[in-house]
Protein backbone atom coordinates (compact mmCIF):
# COMPACT_ATOMS: atom_id res chain seq x y z
CA MET A 1 0.11 -0.08 -0.09
CA PRO A 2 2.68 2.80 0.85
CA LEU A 3 4.43 2.20 -2.70
CA LEU A 4 0.86 2.39 -4.35
CA VAL A 5 0.23 5.54 -2.61
CA ARG A 6 3.73 7.06 -3.61
CA ARG A 7 2.96 6.16 -7.23
CA LEU A 8 -0.34 7.51 -7.24
CA SER A 9 0.59 10.89 -5.61
CA SER A 10 3.96 10.89 -8.01
CA PHE A 11 2.06 10.47 -11.38
CA GLN A 12 -1.43 11.00 -10.88
CA LEU A 13 -1.62 14.25 -12.39
CA LEU A 14 0.68 13.15 -15.21
CA GLU A 15 -0.94 10.45 -16.24
CA ALA A 16 -4.19 12.60 -16.71
CA LEU A 17 -2.20 14.96 -19.23
CA PRO A 18 -2.65 13.38 -22.29
CA LEU A 19 -6.35 12.99 -22.04
CA LEU A 20 -6.83 16.43 -20.56
CA ALA A 21 -5.03 17.61 -23.51
CA ALA A 22 -7.17 15.60 -25.98
CA LEU A 23 -10.35 16.83 -24.39
CA LEU A 24 -9.15 20.41 -24.39
CA LEU A 25 -8.50 19.82 -28.18
CA ASP A 26 -12.31 18.37 -28.74
CA SER A 27 -13.74 21.07 -26.81
CA THR A 28 -12.06 24.20 -28.70
CA GLN A 29 -12.59 22.28 -32.26
CA ARG A 30 -16.55 22.10 -31.20
CA LEU A 31 -16.37 25.66 -30.29
CA PHE A 32 -14.51 26.67 -33.64
CA VAL A 33 -17.42 24.41 -35.57
CA ALA A 34 -19.93 26.41 -33.76
CA HIS A 35 -18.22 29.61 -34.27
CA GLY A 36 -18.57 30.75 -30.63
CA SER A 37 -16.38 32.43 -28.41
CA GLU A 38 -17.96 32.63 -25.15
CA ILE A 39 -15.88 31.30 -22.39
CA ASP A 40 -18.87 29.82 -20.31
CA VAL A 41 -19.89 27.67 -23.32
CA PHE A 42 -16.39 26.16 -23.32
CA VAL A 43 -16.47 25.21 -19.62
CA ALA A 44 -19.74 23.90 -20.10
CA THR A 45 -18.44 21.65 -23.11
CA LEU A 46 -15.57 20.66 -21.27
CA GLY A 47 -17.18 19.93 -18.08
CA GLN A 48 -19.89 17.72 -19.60
CA LEU A 49 -17.14 15.69 -21.57
CA LEU A 50 -15.25 15.35 -18.25
CA VAL A 51 -18.19 13.60 -16.91
CA GLU A 52 -18.91 11.45 -19.88
CA VAL A 53 -15.56 9.91 -20.12
CA LEU A 54 -14.92 9.44 -16.36
CA PRO A 55 -15.26 5.72 -16.55
CA LEU A 56 -12.57 5.86 -19.53
CA VAL A 57 -10.40 7.84 -17.55
CA VAL A 58 -10.67 5.53 -14.76
CA CYS A 59 -9.69 2.56 -17.17
CA HIS A 60 -6.59 4.88 -18.18
CA PHE A 61 -5.19 4.79 -14.75
CA LEU A 62 -6.04 1.09 -14.16
CA VAL A 63 -4.08 0.36 -17.72
CA SER A 64 -0.96 2.31 -16.13
CA HIS A 65 -1.21 0.53 -12.88
CA TYR A 66 -1.23 -2.69 -14.20
CA VAL A 67 0.56 -5.09 -17.03
CA GLY A 68 -0.26 -8.14 -19.28
CA TRP A 69 -3.72 -9.09 -20.00
CA GLN A 70 -5.01 -6.90 -16.80
CA ALA A 71 -3.89 -3.75 -18.45
CA LEU A 72 -5.51 -5.10 -21.87
CA PHE A 73 -8.63 -6.03 -20.07
CA TRP A 74 -9.01 -2.51 -18.64
CA PHE A 75 -7.99 -0.78 -21.86
CA VAL A 76 -10.45 -2.88 -23.73
CA LEU A 77 -13.20 -1.94 -21.12
CA GLY A 78 -12.62 1.54 -21.25
CA PHE A 79 -11.69 2.73 -24.60
CA VAL A 80 -13.72 -0.03 -26.43
CA ILE A 81 -16.85 -1.13 -24.59
CA TYR A 82 -17.74 1.88 -22.98
CA PRO A 83 -17.54 4.10 -26.18
CA LEU A 84 -19.80 1.40 -27.84
CA LEU A 85 -22.21 1.44 -25.22
CA SER A 86 -22.23 5.14 -25.24
CA LEU A 87 -23.18 5.39 -29.04
CA MET A 88 -25.73 2.67 -28.74
CA LEU A 89 -27.54 4.66 -26.13
CA GLN A 90 -27.12 7.45 -28.38
CA SER A 91 -28.82 5.75 -31.35
CA GLN A 92 -31.67 4.41 -29.61
CA TYR A 93 -32.50 7.04 -27.20
CA ASP A 94 -33.30 10.56 -28.14
CA HIS A 95 -33.27 12.53 -25.26
CA TYR A 96 -29.59 10.99 -24.36
CA ALA A 97 -28.53 11.38 -27.86
CA ALA A 98 -29.61 15.24 -27.78
CA TRP A 99 -27.77 15.43 -24.40
CA ALA A 100 -24.39 13.63 -24.97
CA LEU A 101 -21.54 15.32 -26.38
CA PHE A 102 -19.05 12.14 -26.53
CA ASP A 103 -19.03 10.69 -30.25
CA GLY A 104 -16.48 9.26 -32.65
CA GLN A 105 -14.25 12.42 -32.57
CA SER A 106 -14.14 12.34 -28.94
CA TRP A 107 -13.14 8.56 -28.81
CA SER A 108 -10.46 9.04 -31.56
CA PHE A 109 -8.66 12.12 -29.77
CA LEU A 110 -8.76 9.94 -26.35
CA CYS A 111 -7.66 6.74 -27.50
CA LEU A 112 -4.86 8.17 -29.55
CA ALA A 113 -3.64 10.29 -26.55
CA ALA A 114 -3.87 7.08 -24.28
CA ILE A 115 -2.05 4.81 -26.61
CA SER A 116 0.59 7.49 -27.46
CA TRP A 117 1.28 7.80 -23.40
CA GLN A 118 1.36 3.98 -22.99
CA LEU A 119 3.60 3.70 -25.85
CA ASN A 120 6.15 6.64 -24.58
CA LYS A 121 6.15 4.95 -21.00
CA HIS A 122 6.89 1.72 -22.47
CA LEU A 123 10.10 3.05 -24.54
CA HIS A 124 11.18 4.94 -21.82
CA HIS A 125 11.47 1.53 -19.53
CA GLN A 126 12.81 -0.22 -22.74
CA HIS A 127 15.17 2.10 -23.67
CA SER A 128 18.08 -0.25 -23.48
CA ASN A 129 16.30 -2.97 -25.32
CA LYS A 130 17.83 -3.46 -28.86
CA LYS A 131 14.21 -4.64 -30.10
CA TRP A 132 12.77 -1.15 -29.27
CA GLN A 133 15.39 1.12 -30.14
CA TRP A 134 14.32 1.73 -33.65
CA LEU A 135 11.33 3.01 -32.51
CA SER A 136 12.83 5.37 -29.89
CA ARG A 137 14.90 6.86 -32.79
CA LEU A 138 11.66 7.25 -34.76
CA LEU A 139 9.90 9.22 -31.66
CA SER A 140 13.33 11.46 -31.44
CA LEU A 141 12.81 15.18 -31.11
CA ASN A 142 13.73 15.59 -34.95
CA SER A 143 10.80 12.99 -35.60
CA VAL A 144 8.51 14.80 -33.67
CA VAL A 145 9.38 18.10 -35.16
CA ALA A 146 9.03 16.57 -38.90
CA VAL A 147 5.69 15.21 -37.45
CA MET A 148 4.28 18.31 -35.98
CA LEU A 149 5.13 20.18 -39.18
CA LEU A 150 3.55 18.05 -41.22
CA VAL A 151 0.48 17.80 -38.98
CA TRP A 152 0.64 21.47 -39.33
CA ALA A 153 0.91 21.55 -43.13
CA THR A 154 -2.00 19.09 -43.57
CA GLY A 155 -3.87 21.13 -41.11
CA MET A 156 -3.12 24.48 -43.04
CA ALA A 157 -4.07 23.08 -46.27
CA GLY A 158 -7.57 21.66 -45.14
CA VAL A 159 -8.56 25.44 -43.52
CA PHE A 160 -7.21 27.08 -47.03
CA VAL A 161 -9.80 23.97 -48.80
CA TYR A 162 -12.77 24.94 -46.24
CA THR A 163 -12.58 28.99 -47.38
CA PRO A 164 -12.46 29.75 -50.94
CA ASP A 165 -10.02 32.20 -52.31
CA PRO A 166 -8.51 31.70 -48.79
CA MET A 167 -5.47 34.55 -49.34
CA VAL A 168 -8.27 37.11 -49.97
CA ASN A 169 -11.42 35.95 -47.29
CA GLN A 170 -9.23 36.76 -44.48
CA PRO A 171 -9.42 36.02 -41.16
CA LEU A 172 -9.55 32.18 -41.62
CA GLN A 173 -11.90 29.89 -39.95
CA PRO A 174 -9.97 27.25 -38.58
CA ILE A 175 -12.30 24.59 -39.55
CA ILE A 176 -11.08 21.30 -41.64
CA ASP A 177 -14.27 19.73 -43.52
CA PHE A 178 -12.88 16.04 -44.78
CA GLY A 179 -15.74 16.06 -47.09
CA LEU A 180 -14.68 19.11 -48.67
CA ILE A 181 -11.23 17.84 -48.91
CA ALA A 182 -12.51 14.57 -50.62
CA GLU A 183 -14.33 16.72 -53.02
CA HIS A 184 -11.57 19.24 -53.90
CA PHE A 185 -8.63 16.59 -53.59
CA ALA A 186 -6.53 18.15 -56.38
CA LEU A 187 -6.81 21.78 -54.85
CA PHE A 188 -6.11 20.00 -51.27
CA LEU A 189 -2.68 18.68 -52.78
CA GLU A 190 -1.63 21.93 -54.35
CA TYR A 191 -2.18 23.76 -50.93
CA LEU A 192 -0.43 20.72 -49.25
CA SER A 193 2.69 20.97 -51.46
CA GLN A 194 3.08 24.79 -50.74
CA PHE A 195 2.78 24.48 -46.88
CA LEU A 196 5.16 21.39 -47.12
CA CYS A 197 7.71 23.96 -48.44
CA LEU A 198 7.04 26.18 -45.88
CA ALA A 199 7.45 23.67 -43.58
CA ALA A 200 10.67 22.50 -45.04
CA LEU A 201 11.93 26.25 -44.75
CA LEU A 202 10.94 25.96 -40.91
CA ALA A 203 12.84 22.87 -40.35
CA ALA A 204 15.72 24.01 -41.93
CA LEU A 205 15.70 26.89 -39.65
CA TYR A 206 15.35 24.39 -36.63
CA LEU A 207 18.58 21.98 -37.71
CA ASN A 208 20.41 25.24 -38.05
CA ILE A 209 19.77 26.11 -34.76
CA ARG A 210 19.88 22.67 -32.95
CA TYR A 211 23.44 21.50 -34.95
CA LEU A 212 24.77 24.91 -35.56
CA LEU A 213 24.14 27.33 -32.92
CA ILE A 214 23.63 25.10 -30.10
CA ARG A 215 26.07 21.64 -30.97
CA GLN A 216 28.71 23.58 -32.21
CA PHE A 217 28.68 27.32 -31.31
CA LEU A 218 27.01 27.00 -27.60
CA ALA A 219 28.78 23.65 -26.55
CA LYS A 220 32.14 23.99 -27.94
CA HIS A 221 32.74 27.86 -27.86
CA GLY A 222 30.40 29.00 -25.63
CA LEU A 223 27.88 31.98 -25.01
CA VAL A 224 29.72 34.64 -27.09
CA ALA A 225 30.22 32.80 -30.02
CA PHE A 226 26.58 31.53 -29.75
CA VAL A 227 25.02 35.04 -29.38
CA LEU A 228 27.23 36.46 -32.22
CA GLY A 229 26.13 33.00 -34.38
CA ALA A 230 22.47 33.83 -33.58
CA LEU A 231 22.71 37.14 -34.84
CA CYS A 232 23.74 36.03 -38.06
CA HIS A 233 21.17 33.57 -38.25
CA ILE A 234 18.56 36.40 -37.73
CA LEU A 235 20.08 38.62 -40.16
CA VAL A 236 21.09 36.25 -43.03
CA LEU A 237 18.40 33.59 -43.08
CA THR A 238 15.20 35.77 -42.16
CA PRO A 239 15.43 37.82 -45.65
CA LEU A 240 16.83 34.68 -47.53
CA PHE A 241 13.78 32.37 -46.28
CA CYS A 242 11.26 35.06 -47.01
CA GLN A 243 12.45 35.63 -50.55
CA LEU A 244 12.03 31.51 -51.01
CA ALA A 245 8.67 31.63 -49.53
CA LEU A 246 7.76 34.65 -51.72
CA TYR A 247 7.93 32.07 -54.53
CA LEU A 248 5.23 30.23 -53.66
CA PRO A 249 2.15 30.61 -56.09
CA LEU A 250 -0.40 31.04 -52.90
CA ASN A 251 1.38 34.94 -52.43
CA VAL A 252 -1.11 37.37 -54.09
CA THR A 253 -0.03 41.00 -54.59
CA ALA A 254 -2.47 41.98 -51.48
CA LEU A 255 -1.30 39.15 -48.89
CA THR A 256 1.76 36.99 -48.85
CA LEU A 257 2.61 33.87 -46.92
CA ILE A 258 5.65 35.70 -45.08
CA PRO A 259 5.14 37.37 -41.57
CA SER A 260 4.81 40.94 -42.80
CA GLY A 261 2.21 40.17 -45.07
CA ASP A 262 3.81 41.89 -47.89
CA HIS A 263 6.46 41.66 -50.25
CA ASN A 264 9.15 43.39 -47.92
CA ILE A 265 11.84 40.59 -46.86
CA PHE A 266 13.51 43.13 -45.04
CA HIS A 267 10.16 44.33 -42.92
CA PRO A 268 10.94 44.30 -38.99
CA ILE A 269 8.28 42.05 -38.14
CA ASN A 270 10.04 39.31 -40.51
CA TYR A 271 12.93 39.73 -37.94
CA GLN A 272 10.87 39.65 -34.76
CA ILE A 273 9.43 36.26 -35.86
CA SER A 274 12.66 34.91 -36.74
CA PHE A 275 14.05 35.84 -33.10
CA LEU A 276 10.70 34.56 -31.56
CA LEU A 277 11.40 31.34 -33.10
CA LEU A 278 14.66 31.12 -32.04
CA ALA A 279 13.72 32.13 -28.48
CA ILE A 280 10.95 29.21 -28.48
CA CYS A 281 13.27 26.52 -30.24
CA VAL A 282 16.83 27.19 -28.12
CA PRO A 283 15.14 26.16 -24.68
CA LEU A 284 12.97 23.08 -26.16
CA ILE A 285 16.41 22.06 -27.44
CA LEU A 286 18.41 22.55 -24.69
CA ALA A 287 15.80 20.74 -22.66
CA PHE A 288 15.83 17.58 -24.76
CA GLU A 289 19.55 17.60 -25.08
CA ARG A 290 19.77 17.80 -21.17
CA GLN A 291 17.18 14.81 -20.87
CA GLN A 292 19.50 13.06 -23.55
CA GLN A 293 22.39 13.71 -21.52
CA ASP A 294 20.92 12.47 -18.22
CA LYS A 295 19.80 9.64 -19.83
CA ALA A 296 23.09 8.66 -21.01
CA MET A 297 24.38 9.21 -17.62
CA ALA A 298 22.17 7.14 -16.11
CA ASP A 299 22.62 4.38 -18.26
CA ILE A 300 26.61 5.08 -17.49
CA ALA A 301 25.90 4.57 -14.00
CA ARG A 302 23.68 1.75 -14.39
CA GLN A 303 26.37 -0.19 -16.62
CA GLN A 304 28.93 0.88 -13.61
CA ILE A 305 26.50 -0.74 -11.17
CA ARG A 306 26.16 -3.75 -13.24
CA THR A 307 29.88 -3.91 -13.43
CA GLU A 308 30.10 -3.55 -9.33
CA LEU A 309 27.38 -6.27 -9.21
CA GLN A 310 29.05 -8.94 -11.29
CA LEU A 311 32.25 -8.22 -9.45
CA LEU A 312 30.72 -8.66 -5.88
CA GLN A 313 29.00 -12.06 -7.55
CA GLN A 314 32.63 -13.33 -8.17
CA GLN A 315 33.26 -12.94 -4.50
CA ILE A 316 31.40 -15.64 -2.45
CA ASN A 317 31.58 -14.84 1.25
CA PRO A 318 34.59 -17.40 2.27
CA HIS A 319 33.25 -17.69 5.79
CA PHE A 320 30.18 -18.64 4.64
CA LEU A 321 31.52 -20.95 2.06
CA PHE A 322 34.10 -22.77 4.40
CA ASN A 323 32.16 -22.97 7.48
CA THR A 324 29.11 -24.46 5.03
CA LEU A 325 31.87 -26.79 3.52
CA ASN A 326 32.98 -27.67 7.02
CA ASN A 327 29.37 -28.70 8.26
CA LEU A 328 28.89 -30.41 5.48
CA TYR A 329 32.15 -32.51 5.73
CA ALA A 330 31.06 -33.38 9.40
CA LEU A 331 27.70 -34.63 8.12
CA SER A 332 29.24 -36.95 5.57
CA LEU A 333 31.90 -38.39 8.43
CA ASN A 334 28.67 -38.83 10.38
CA LYS A 335 27.05 -40.41 7.10
CA SER A 336 23.93 -38.26 7.65
CA ASP A 337 21.10 -38.52 5.09
CA ASP A 338 21.10 -34.59 4.98
CA ALA A 339 24.67 -34.47 3.37
CA PRO A 340 23.42 -34.88 -0.17
CA GLU A 341 20.82 -32.79 0.17
CA LEU A 342 22.75 -29.99 1.56
CA LEU A 343 25.43 -30.41 -0.95
CA ARG A 344 23.29 -29.82 -3.80
CA GLN A 345 21.79 -26.91 -1.95
CA LEU A 346 25.35 -25.12 -2.03
CA ALA A 347 25.72 -26.23 -5.65
CA ASP A 348 22.49 -24.58 -6.68
CA LEU A 349 23.64 -21.58 -4.69
CA LEU A 350 27.13 -20.96 -6.46
CA HIS A 351 25.69 -21.79 -10.10
CA TYR A 352 22.84 -19.36 -9.59
CA THR A 353 25.11 -16.53 -8.19
CA VAL A 354 27.68 -17.30 -10.78
CA TYR A 355 25.88 -17.57 -13.86
CA LYS A 356 22.12 -16.54 -13.28
CA GLY A 357 23.27 -13.26 -11.42
CA GLN A 358 24.83 -12.12 -14.75
CA GLN A 359 21.32 -11.66 -16.13
CA SER A 360 19.43 -8.32 -16.13
CA LEU A 361 16.23 -10.36 -15.11
CA VAL A 362 15.50 -13.59 -13.98
CA PRO A 363 11.89 -15.62 -13.06
CA LEU A 364 11.22 -15.02 -9.38
CA ASP A 365 10.50 -18.43 -8.59
CA ALA A 366 14.17 -18.88 -9.35
CA GLU A 367 15.16 -16.32 -7.10
CA ILE A 368 13.04 -17.58 -4.22
CA ALA A 369 14.35 -20.99 -4.86
CA TYR A 370 18.23 -19.27 -4.24
CA LEU A 371 16.89 -17.74 -1.41
CA LYS A 372 15.50 -21.03 0.37
CA ASN A 373 18.90 -22.70 -0.27
CA TYR A 374 20.69 -19.92 1.06
CA LEU A 375 18.44 -20.49 4.35
CA ALA A 376 18.96 -23.95 4.70
CA LEU A 377 22.81 -23.67 4.53
CA GLN A 378 22.48 -20.71 7.17
CA GLN A 379 20.63 -22.86 9.35
CA LEU A 380 23.05 -25.77 8.91
CA ARG A 381 25.81 -23.24 10.14
CA SER A 382 23.97 -21.86 13.01
CA HIS A 383 23.02 -25.48 14.01
CA HIS A 384 19.15 -24.49 13.59
CA LYS A 385 19.69 -22.17 16.86
CA ASN A 386 17.38 -19.75 14.84
CA ARG A 387 13.69 -19.57 14.91
CA LEU A 388 13.09 -18.84 11.20
CA HIS A 389 9.57 -18.46 9.82
CA CYS A 390 8.95 -18.00 6.01
CA ASP A 391 6.10 -16.97 3.95
CA TRP A 392 6.22 -17.43 0.12
CA PRO A 393 4.06 -16.02 -2.78
CA THR A 394 2.25 -17.91 -5.24
CA GLY A 395 2.25 -17.23 -8.99
CA ALA A 396 6.04 -16.42 -8.95
CA GLU A 397 6.76 -18.07 -12.04
CA ASN A 398 4.81 -15.38 -13.93
CA TRP A 399 7.04 -12.45 -12.77
CA GLN A 400 10.64 -11.63 -13.52
CA ILE A 401 12.97 -9.53 -11.13
CA PRO A 402 16.86 -8.38 -11.61
CA PRO A 403 18.81 -10.80 -9.70
CA LEU A 404 20.32 -10.71 -6.06
CA LEU A 405 18.17 -8.03 -4.95
CA LEU A 406 15.99 -9.85 -2.43
CA ILE A 407 19.20 -11.64 -0.70
CA ILE A 408 20.62 -8.52 0.62
CA PRO A 409 18.18 -7.92 3.63
CA ILE A 410 18.26 -11.46 4.37
CA GLU A 411 22.10 -11.74 4.34
CA ASN A 412 21.83 -8.59 6.85
CA MET A 413 19.46 -10.33 9.32
CA TYR A 414 22.35 -13.09 9.71
CA LYS A 415 25.48 -10.87 9.64
CA HIS A 416 24.15 -8.31 12.01
CA ALA A 417 21.95 -10.15 14.38
CA ALA A 418 21.55 -14.15 14.31
CA GLU A 419 25.41 -14.70 13.98
CA ARG A 420 26.20 -12.20 16.98
CA MET A 421 23.35 -13.32 19.30
CA GLN A 422 24.36 -15.75 21.95
CA GLN A 423 20.29 -16.86 22.46
CA GLU A 424 18.09 -18.22 20.26
CA CYS A 425 16.92 -15.54 17.41
CA GLU A 426 13.62 -15.04 16.03
CA MET A 427 13.60 -14.21 12.28
CA LEU A 428 10.50 -13.63 9.84
CA ILE A 429 10.73 -13.01 6.11
CA ASN A 430 7.63 -12.72 4.59
CA LEU A 431 7.66 -12.18 0.60
CA ALA A 432 4.15 -11.36 -1.38
CA ILE A 433 2.72 -10.13 -4.63
CA VAL A 434 -0.04 -7.68 -4.87
CA GLY A 435 -0.79 -6.95 -8.03
CA GLN A 436 2.49 -5.97 -9.67
CA THR A 437 4.04 -5.03 -6.53
CA LEU A 438 6.61 -7.29 -4.75
CA ARG A 439 6.72 -6.64 -1.19
CA LEU A 440 9.58 -8.09 1.50
CA THR A 441 9.49 -7.76 5.12
CA CYS A 442 12.31 -8.94 7.08
CA ARG A 443 12.40 -9.02 11.19
CA ASN A 444 14.89 -9.98 13.65
CA SER A 445 15.25 -10.22 17.31
CA LEU A 446 18.02 -8.32 18.60
CA ALA A 447 20.11 -8.79 21.79
CA PRO A 448 18.89 -6.62 24.61
CA ASN A 449 20.19 -3.11 24.59
CA SER A 450 21.73 -3.80 20.95
CA VAL A 451 22.95 -0.37 19.43
CA SER A 452 23.81 -2.09 16.18
CA ASN A 453 21.71 -0.64 13.52
CA GLN A 454 22.02 -3.18 10.59
CA GLN A 455 22.66 -0.35 8.08
CA GLY A 456 25.69 -1.58 6.35
CA ILE A 457 27.18 -1.17 3.02
CA GLY A 458 25.16 -3.77 1.49
CA LEU A 459 21.91 -1.61 2.23
CA GLU A 460 23.40 1.18 1.01
CA ASN A 461 24.49 -0.54 -2.39
CA LEU A 462 20.87 -2.13 -2.45
CA GLN A 463 19.42 1.76 -2.20
CA ARG A 464 21.65 2.75 -5.26
CA ARG A 465 20.74 -0.41 -7.61
CA LEU A 466 16.66 0.39 -6.33
CA THR A 467 17.02 3.92 -7.46
CA LEU A 468 18.71 2.88 -10.66
CA LEU A 469 16.64 -0.04 -11.61
CA PHE A 470 13.37 1.11 -10.09
CA PRO A 471 13.25 5.06 -10.18
CA GLY A 472 10.26 6.29 -8.58
CA ARG A 473 8.86 2.75 -8.29
CA HIS A 474 10.51 1.19 -5.37
CA LEU A 475 10.54 1.53 -1.41
CA LEU A 476 13.20 0.71 1.18
CA SER A 477 12.60 1.06 4.55
CA ILE A 478 14.99 0.28 7.72
CA GLU A 479 13.75 0.82 11.29
CA LYS A 480 14.77 -0.21 14.88
CA VAL A 481 11.08 -1.18 16.12
CA GLY A 482 11.63 -2.10 20.19
CA GLU A 483 13.73 -5.04 20.49
CA GLN A 484 13.54 -6.32 16.62
CA TRP A 485 14.96 -4.90 13.33
CA HIS A 486 12.18 -4.08 10.53
CA THR A 487 13.32 -4.07 6.71
CA HIS A 488 10.62 -3.62 4.41
CA MET A 489 11.18 -3.52 0.78
CA GLU A 490 8.64 -2.82 -2.10
CA LEU A 491 9.36 -2.86 -6.17
CA VAL A 492 7.68 -3.26 -9.01
CA LEU A 493 7.69 -6.43 -11.00
CA SER A 494 8.31 -7.41 -14.61
CA PRO A 495 6.04 -9.93 -16.28
CA CYS A 496 7.34 -12.93 -17.74
């Protein structure tokens, strides 16, 4: 429950952002079509849409919380079944149809927003997966800018088709009529080709800002070089690109496509718009470059952690190993029936640590089997003086986890408590799966008036690994409660 609360509080508003943007777009478009301008009409329309799509929004949050077939169930329920039921009610009941606003357009906006958001989240978690790298490149900043310019050119062409002689009949109504586009498709293509030329000029400005001004001048030569380069960018490219835009057939004597609206390529407003584009693009590009740099640094840190982990995996605790071998030797001399089984457990323990520990993810049931082998050998070492109680989850074979995460709190119990106590030590290990969250609780008794805090380097490394592997999706608490030490860990599992 604590991890779920933290997750909801951290990204609840962010999860609602794509649907809110879709509803705002839908409400604004309805206002344009109705030729309205009253703010109360806009607010009423948005409010009614929010009420009508509330079940869909709830399903969107549930899709974000679950994975696999459960996420698919909630998506189908919210984005397929509920819209179909709403449209069926509108077709059968006239009163409901007269009131309802939710329609095919609303559904398409919301569905596209939700799918795009979920895809973006999946790519964020799979950025190191080679199978998804091509899609990550497809959704790079350059690709997003290209798509936005293409959408802008297509939308402007549609708006121009809606208005007869659009360069004369200004201002234009921002309405796109797909029926008119189909009827006058040749005219639409003519407009589209010219707006694509304008989009290409804007793309050239963006590329010059990103790769010359920012990456060359600013990154390599400093602020002065960037300011001088930006000045040349405005003074040289503004009249040049305005002149290129004037060659398009859409320009007429009374009105042109350049910002000034006339044929003067040196008009001050042209430079002002050029400066505005520069002022908008630079922060956005710098923010994206910083995000990419942070991601690269996180990858480096993650690789460093992986390297450190691999080194640790090669260093089996010699004290634990020699003590276990001596106990096995003693059992063998006494011809104990437990010796073969304990020897197998030690072999499985070493095999898992050396081989499975090198993988990024392992089945949860394999990790649990490793813990059971470790506990059996520890109980042998301590001559069963510890009272150990374990609860293991069901369905562990359906989930994956980074290896050797759960062993650290358990090792900590033996190292700082069980091995230091002369009397019997009470130990409890509870491992449970709740939804997609794995919860590990470890409790052990301490010697009276003990000052040990059990917060060694192992738990510090565990916290570091959790931060890198599960950013914002984990919980680790370590505290002394009375004469017991409690360690509680929660993390989000990956489905098999």
